[in-house]
Amino acid sequence: MLINRDELARKVLEGEITSLDDLNSVLRSMIKDVVETAMGAEMTGFLGYDRYQTPDTDPGNRRNGYSQKELASKVGPIVIDVPRDRKPSSTRPSSRNARRISAASRSSSFPCMPRG
């Protein structure tokens, strides 16, 4: 559900977003999309081929579905789908990235609704 600033403004003006809970829901969805896109791109870089493509040579490692993780944020918990590979290794930083993103989403510099 990637939406841009104009789409968000339209939703507010047309009354689709009427409460803080509605806005938080949209923000959670946007954060989820960004994090999942970044992790998918990371998996592509790690494996060396795009999703739904067959590599020229057998790399010995392939995509293997997703596992769900929950990120804590100021706008509420966000459940993301983390891509898995068949031979998990410590060289792929996805789990470290998820922890770093979770910490960033709780920091004061992360975009959120102002108090007051």
N, C-alpha and C. Protein backbone atom coordinates (compact mmCIF):
# COMPACT_ATOMS: atom_id res chain seq x y z
N MET A 1 0.82 -1.19 0.00
CA MET A 1 0.00 0.00 0.00
C MET A 1 0.86 1.25 0.00
N LEU A 2 1.84 1.32 -0.86
CA LEU A 2 2.68 2.50 -0.94
C LEU A 2 1.85 3.69 -1.41
N ILE A 3 1.84 4.74 -0.61
CA ILE A 3 1.14 5.96 -1.01
C ILE A 3 2.09 7.13 -0.83
N ASN A 4 1.92 8.14 -1.64
CA ASN A 4 2.76 9.31 -1.53
C ASN A 4 2.06 10.39 -0.70
N ARG A 5 2.72 11.49 -0.56
CA ARG A 5 2.20 12.58 0.26
C ARG A 5 0.87 13.11 -0.28
N ASP A 6 0.74 13.22 -1.60
CA ASP A 6 -0.50 13.72 -2.19
C ASP A 6 -1.67 12.77 -1.91
N GLU A 7 -1.40 11.46 -2.00
CA GLU A 7 -2.43 10.46 -1.72
C GLU A 7 -2.85 10.52 -0.25
N LEU A 8 -1.88 10.71 0.63
CA LEU A 8 -2.20 10.83 2.05
C LEU A 8 -3.04 12.08 2.31
N ALA A 9 -2.68 13.19 1.68
CA ALA A 9 -3.45 14.42 1.84
C ALA A 9 -4.87 14.25 1.31
N ARG A 10 -5.01 13.55 0.18
CA ARG A 10 -6.34 13.29 -0.38
C ARG A 10 -7.19 12.47 0.58
N LYS A 11 -6.58 11.45 1.19
CA LYS A 11 -7.32 10.61 2.14
C LYS A 11 -7.81 11.43 3.34
N VAL A 12 -6.98 12.36 3.80
CA VAL A 12 -7.37 13.21 4.93
C VAL A 12 -8.51 14.14 4.51
N LEU A 13 -8.36 14.79 3.36
CA LEU A 13 -9.38 15.73 2.89
C LEU A 13 -10.72 15.07 2.58
N GLU A 14 -10.69 13.83 2.11
CA GLU A 14 -11.92 13.13 1.78
C GLU A 14 -12.53 12.41 2.98
N GLY A 15 -11.89 12.53 4.13
CA GLY A 15 -12.46 11.96 5.34
C GLY A 15 -12.17 10.49 5.56
N GLU A 16 -11.24 9.92 4.79
CA GLU A 16 -10.88 8.52 4.99
C GLU A 16 -10.02 8.35 6.25
N ILE A 17 -9.27 9.39 6.58
CA ILE A 17 -8.45 9.39 7.80
C ILE A 17 -9.04 10.45 8.72
N THR A 18 -9.71 9.98 9.77
CA THR A 18 -10.41 10.91 10.64
C THR A 18 -9.90 10.90 12.07
N SER A 19 -9.03 9.96 12.39
CA SER A 19 -8.55 9.87 13.77
C SER A 19 -7.07 9.55 13.79
N LEU A 20 -6.49 9.67 14.95
CA LEU A 20 -5.09 9.34 15.12
C LEU A 20 -4.86 7.85 14.86
N ASP A 21 -5.82 7.01 15.25
CA ASP A 21 -5.70 5.58 14.98
C ASP A 21 -5.67 5.29 13.47
N ASP A 22 -6.48 6.00 12.70
CA ASP A 22 -6.48 5.83 11.24
C ASP A 22 -5.12 6.22 10.66
N LEU A 23 -4.59 7.34 11.13
CA LEU A 23 -3.30 7.80 10.64
C LEU A 23 -2.19 6.84 11.03
N ASN A 24 -2.23 6.36 12.27
CA ASN A 24 -1.22 5.39 12.71
C ASN A 24 -1.28 4.12 11.89
N SER A 25 -2.47 3.70 11.53
CA SER A 25 -2.63 2.51 10.70
C SER A 25 -1.97 2.71 9.33
N VAL A 26 -2.18 3.88 8.74
CA VAL A 26 -1.56 4.19 7.45
C VAL A 26 -0.04 4.24 7.59
N LEU A 27 0.45 4.87 8.66
CA LEU A 27 1.89 4.94 8.89
C LEU A 27 2.50 3.55 9.08
N ARG A 28 1.82 2.69 9.84
CA ARG A 28 2.32 1.32 10.03
C ARG A 28 2.42 0.60 8.69
N SER A 29 1.41 0.77 7.86
CA SER A 29 1.40 0.14 6.54
C SER A 29 2.56 0.65 5.68
N MET A 30 2.80 1.95 5.73
CA MET A 30 3.89 2.53 4.94
C MET A 30 5.24 2.03 5.44
N ILE A 31 5.43 1.99 6.74
CA ILE A 31 6.69 1.50 7.31
C ILE A 31 6.90 0.04 6.93
N LYS A 32 5.84 -0.76 7.02
CA LYS A 32 5.90 -2.18 6.64
C LYS A 32 6.37 -2.32 5.20
N ASP A 33 5.77 -1.55 4.28
CA ASP A 33 6.14 -1.61 2.87
C ASP A 33 7.61 -1.27 2.64
N VAL A 34 8.08 -0.22 3.30
CA VAL A 34 9.46 0.22 3.13
C VAL A 34 10.43 -0.84 3.66
N VAL A 35 10.17 -1.36 4.85
CA VAL A 35 11.07 -2.34 5.46
C VAL A 35 11.09 -3.63 4.64
N GLU A 36 9.93 -4.11 4.21
CA GLU A 36 9.87 -5.35 3.43
C GLU A 36 10.54 -5.18 2.06
N THR A 37 10.39 -4.02 1.45
CA THR A 37 11.05 -3.76 0.17
C THR A 37 12.56 -3.75 0.34
N ALA A 38 13.05 -3.10 1.41
CA ALA A 38 14.49 -3.05 1.67
C ALA A 38 15.05 -4.45 1.94
N MET A 39 14.33 -5.25 2.72
CA MET A 39 14.81 -6.59 3.03
C MET A 39 14.77 -7.49 1.79
N GLY A 40 13.78 -7.31 0.93
CA GLY A 40 13.74 -8.07 -0.32
C GLY A 40 14.91 -7.71 -1.22
N ALA A 41 15.23 -6.41 -1.29
CA ALA A 41 16.37 -5.97 -2.09
C ALA A 41 17.68 -6.51 -1.51
N GLU A 42 17.75 -6.55 -0.20
CA GLU A 42 18.93 -7.11 0.45
C GLU A 42 19.09 -8.60 0.10
N MET A 43 17.99 -9.34 0.10
CA MET A 43 18.04 -10.76 -0.25
C MET A 43 18.48 -10.93 -1.69
N THR A 44 17.97 -10.08 -2.59
CA THR A 44 18.38 -10.14 -3.99
C THR A 44 19.88 -9.92 -4.13
N GLY A 45 20.39 -8.92 -3.43
CA GLY A 45 21.83 -8.65 -3.46
C GLY A 45 22.64 -9.79 -2.88
N PHE A 46 22.15 -10.38 -1.81
CA PHE A 46 22.85 -11.47 -1.15
C PHE A 46 22.90 -12.71 -2.02
N LEU A 47 21.77 -13.06 -2.64
CA LEU A 47 21.72 -14.27 -3.47
C LEU A 47 22.27 -14.05 -4.88
N GLY A 48 22.21 -12.82 -5.36
CA GLY A 48 22.75 -12.52 -6.67
C GLY A 48 21.78 -12.67 -7.82
N TYR A 49 20.50 -12.82 -7.53
CA TYR A 49 19.49 -12.87 -8.59
C TYR A 49 18.16 -12.38 -8.05
N ASP A 50 17.31 -11.87 -8.97
CA ASP A 50 16.03 -11.30 -8.58
C ASP A 50 15.02 -12.38 -8.23
N ARG A 51 14.01 -11.97 -7.52
CA ARG A 51 12.90 -12.85 -7.17
C ARG A 51 12.22 -13.33 -8.45
N TYR A 52 11.78 -14.57 -8.47
CA TYR A 52 11.12 -15.21 -9.61
C TYR A 52 12.03 -15.42 -10.81
N GLN A 53 13.34 -15.27 -10.63
CA GLN A 53 14.28 -15.56 -11.71
C GLN A 53 15.08 -16.80 -11.34
N THR A 54 15.52 -17.50 -12.37
CA THR A 54 16.38 -18.66 -12.16
C THR A 54 17.82 -18.22 -12.42
N PRO A 55 18.72 -18.45 -11.47
CA PRO A 55 20.11 -18.04 -11.70
C PRO A 55 20.76 -18.86 -12.81
N ASP A 56 21.78 -18.29 -13.46
CA ASP A 56 22.48 -18.98 -14.54
C ASP A 56 23.15 -20.26 -14.04
N THR A 57 23.74 -20.18 -12.89
CA THR A 57 24.36 -21.35 -12.28
C THR A 57 23.69 -21.60 -10.94
N ASP A 58 23.75 -22.83 -10.46
CA ASP A 58 23.13 -23.15 -9.18
C ASP A 58 23.97 -22.54 -8.06
N PRO A 59 23.42 -21.55 -7.35
CA PRO A 59 24.20 -20.90 -6.31
C PRO A 59 24.30 -21.73 -5.02
N GLY A 60 23.51 -22.78 -4.93
CA GLY A 60 23.52 -23.58 -3.72
C GLY A 60 22.65 -22.99 -2.63
N ASN A 61 22.10 -21.83 -2.87
CA ASN A 61 21.24 -21.17 -1.89
C ASN A 61 20.11 -20.50 -2.65
N ARG A 62 18.91 -20.63 -2.15
CA ARG A 62 17.75 -20.05 -2.82
C ARG A 62 16.82 -19.42 -1.79
N ARG A 63 15.87 -18.68 -2.30
CA ARG A 63 14.84 -18.11 -1.43
C ARG A 63 13.99 -19.24 -0.86
N ASN A 64 13.50 -19.02 0.36
CA ASN A 64 12.72 -20.08 1.02
C ASN A 64 11.57 -19.48 1.82
N GLY A 65 10.76 -18.67 1.18
CA GLY A 65 9.59 -18.13 1.85
C GLY A 65 9.91 -16.98 2.78
N TYR A 66 9.05 -16.82 3.77
CA TYR A 66 9.15 -15.70 4.70
C TYR A 66 8.89 -16.18 6.13
N SER A 67 9.41 -15.42 7.08
CA SER A 67 9.01 -15.61 8.47
C SER A 67 8.53 -14.26 8.97
N GLN A 68 7.64 -14.28 9.93
CA GLN A 68 7.09 -13.02 10.43
C GLN A 68 7.84 -12.57 11.68
N LYS A 69 8.07 -11.28 11.74
CA LYS A 69 8.69 -10.64 12.90
C LYS A 69 7.84 -9.43 13.25
N GLU A 70 7.86 -9.08 14.51
CA GLU A 70 7.11 -7.90 14.94
C GLU A 70 8.08 -6.81 15.34
N LEU A 71 7.91 -5.63 14.74
CA LEU A 71 8.70 -4.47 15.08
C LEU A 71 7.89 -3.59 16.03
N ALA A 72 8.54 -3.08 17.04
CA ALA A 72 7.89 -2.13 17.94
C ALA A 72 8.15 -0.72 17.39
N SER A 73 7.13 0.12 17.41
CA SER A 73 7.31 1.49 16.94
C SER A 73 6.39 2.42 17.73
N LYS A 74 6.58 3.70 17.56
CA LYS A 74 5.72 4.67 18.24
C LYS A 74 4.30 4.65 17.71
N VAL A 75 4.11 4.15 16.50
CA VAL A 75 2.76 4.09 15.91
C VAL A 75 2.12 2.73 16.15
N GLY A 76 2.74 1.90 16.94
CA GLY A 76 2.19 0.59 17.27
C GLY A 76 3.02 -0.53 16.67
N PRO A 77 2.74 -1.76 17.06
CA PRO A 77 3.50 -2.89 16.54
C PRO A 77 3.26 -3.09 15.04
N ILE A 78 4.32 -3.49 14.34
CA ILE A 78 4.25 -3.70 12.90
C ILE A 78 4.76 -5.11 12.62
N VAL A 79 3.92 -5.95 12.04
CA VAL A 79 4.32 -7.30 11.67
C VAL A 79 4.85 -7.27 10.25
N ILE A 80 6.12 -7.69 10.10
CA ILE A 80 6.74 -7.69 8.77
C ILE A 80 7.04 -9.13 8.36
N ASP A 81 7.10 -9.34 7.05
CA ASP A 81 7.50 -10.63 6.49
C ASP A 81 8.96 -10.54 6.08
N VAL A 82 9.80 -11.30 6.77
CA VAL A 82 11.24 -11.29 6.52
C VAL A 82 11.58 -12.43 5.57
N PRO A 83 12.21 -12.14 4.42
CA PRO A 83 12.54 -13.21 3.48
C PRO A 83 13.58 -14.16 4.09
N ARG A 84 13.41 -15.45 3.78
CA ARG A 84 14.36 -16.46 4.26
C ARG A 84 15.09 -17.06 3.06
N ASP A 85 16.27 -17.57 3.34
CA ASP A 85 16.98 -18.35 2.34
C ASP A 85 17.18 -19.76 2.88
N ARG A 86 17.49 -20.68 1.98
CA ARG A 86 17.58 -22.10 2.39
C ARG A 86 18.78 -22.38 3.26
N LYS A 87 19.84 -21.64 3.06
CA LYS A 87 21.05 -21.84 3.86
C LYS A 87 21.34 -20.55 4.63
N PRO A 88 20.65 -20.36 5.73
CA PRO A 88 20.87 -19.12 6.47
C PRO A 88 22.32 -19.03 6.95
N SER A 89 22.85 -17.85 6.85
CA SER A 89 24.23 -17.65 7.30
C SER A 89 24.32 -16.36 8.09
N SER A 90 25.40 -16.23 8.80
CA SER A 90 25.58 -15.03 9.62
C SER A 90 26.02 -13.85 8.77
N THR A 91 26.30 -14.06 7.48
CA THR A 91 26.75 -12.95 6.65
C THR A 91 25.60 -12.10 6.14
N ARG A 92 24.38 -12.62 6.19
CA ARG A 92 23.23 -11.84 5.73
C ARG A 92 22.70 -11.04 6.92
N PRO A 93 22.70 -9.72 6.83
CA PRO A 93 22.37 -8.89 7.99
C PRO A 93 20.90 -8.60 8.22
N SER A 94 19.97 -9.33 7.63
CA SER A 94 18.54 -9.00 7.76
C SER A 94 18.08 -8.92 9.20
N SER A 95 18.44 -9.89 10.01
CA SER A 95 17.96 -9.86 11.39
C SER A 95 18.55 -8.69 12.15
N ARG A 96 19.81 -8.36 11.86
CA ARG A 96 20.40 -7.18 12.51
C ARG A 96 19.69 -5.92 12.03
N ASN A 97 19.36 -5.86 10.73
CA ASN A 97 18.65 -4.70 10.19
C ASN A 97 17.29 -4.54 10.85
N ALA A 98 16.57 -5.65 11.04
CA ALA A 98 15.26 -5.58 11.68
C ALA A 98 15.38 -5.02 13.09
N ARG A 99 16.39 -5.45 13.82
CA ARG A 99 16.57 -4.92 15.18
C ARG A 99 16.92 -3.44 15.14
N ARG A 100 17.78 -3.04 14.17
CA ARG A 100 18.17 -1.64 14.07
C ARG A 100 16.97 -0.78 13.68
N ILE A 101 16.15 -1.25 12.75
CA ILE A 101 14.96 -0.51 12.34
C ILE A 101 13.98 -0.39 13.49
N SER A 102 13.84 -1.46 14.27
CA SER A 102 12.96 -1.44 15.43
C SER A 102 13.42 -0.38 16.43
N ALA A 103 14.72 -0.33 16.67
CA ALA A 103 15.25 0.66 17.60
C ALA A 103 15.05 2.07 17.05
N ALA A 104 15.26 2.25 15.75
CA ALA A 104 15.09 3.58 15.14
C ALA A 104 13.65 4.03 15.20
N SER A 105 12.72 3.09 15.06
CA SER A 105 11.31 3.47 15.05
C SER A 105 10.84 3.91 16.43
N ARG A 106 11.60 3.58 17.46
CA ARG A 106 11.24 4.03 18.80
C ARG A 106 11.98 5.30 19.19
N SER A 107 12.98 5.71 18.39
CA SER A 107 13.76 6.89 18.73
C SER A 107 12.97 8.15 18.43
N SER A 108 13.43 9.25 18.98
CA SER A 108 12.71 10.51 18.79
C SER A 108 12.88 11.06 17.38
N SER A 109 13.87 10.60 16.63
CA SER A 109 14.09 11.12 15.29
C SER A 109 13.22 10.44 14.24
N PHE A 110 12.54 9.37 14.61
CA PHE A 110 11.70 8.66 13.65
C PHE A 110 10.38 9.40 13.50
N PRO A 111 9.87 9.54 12.25
CA PRO A 111 8.63 10.29 12.06
C PRO A 111 7.45 9.68 12.83
N CYS A 112 6.78 10.51 13.56
CA CYS A 112 5.60 10.05 14.29
C CYS A 112 4.71 11.25 14.57
N MET A 113 3.57 11.00 15.14
CA MET A 113 2.66 12.09 15.47
C MET A 113 3.20 12.86 16.68
N PRO A 114 3.19 14.18 16.60
CA PRO A 114 3.64 14.96 17.75
C PRO A 114 2.65 14.87 18.90
N ARG A 115 3.17 15.01 20.08
CA ARG A 115 2.30 15.00 21.26
C ARG A 115 1.72 16.37 21.50
N GLY A 116 0.56 16.39 22.13
CA GLY A 116 -0.01 17.66 22.54
C GLY A 116 -0.98 18.22 21.66
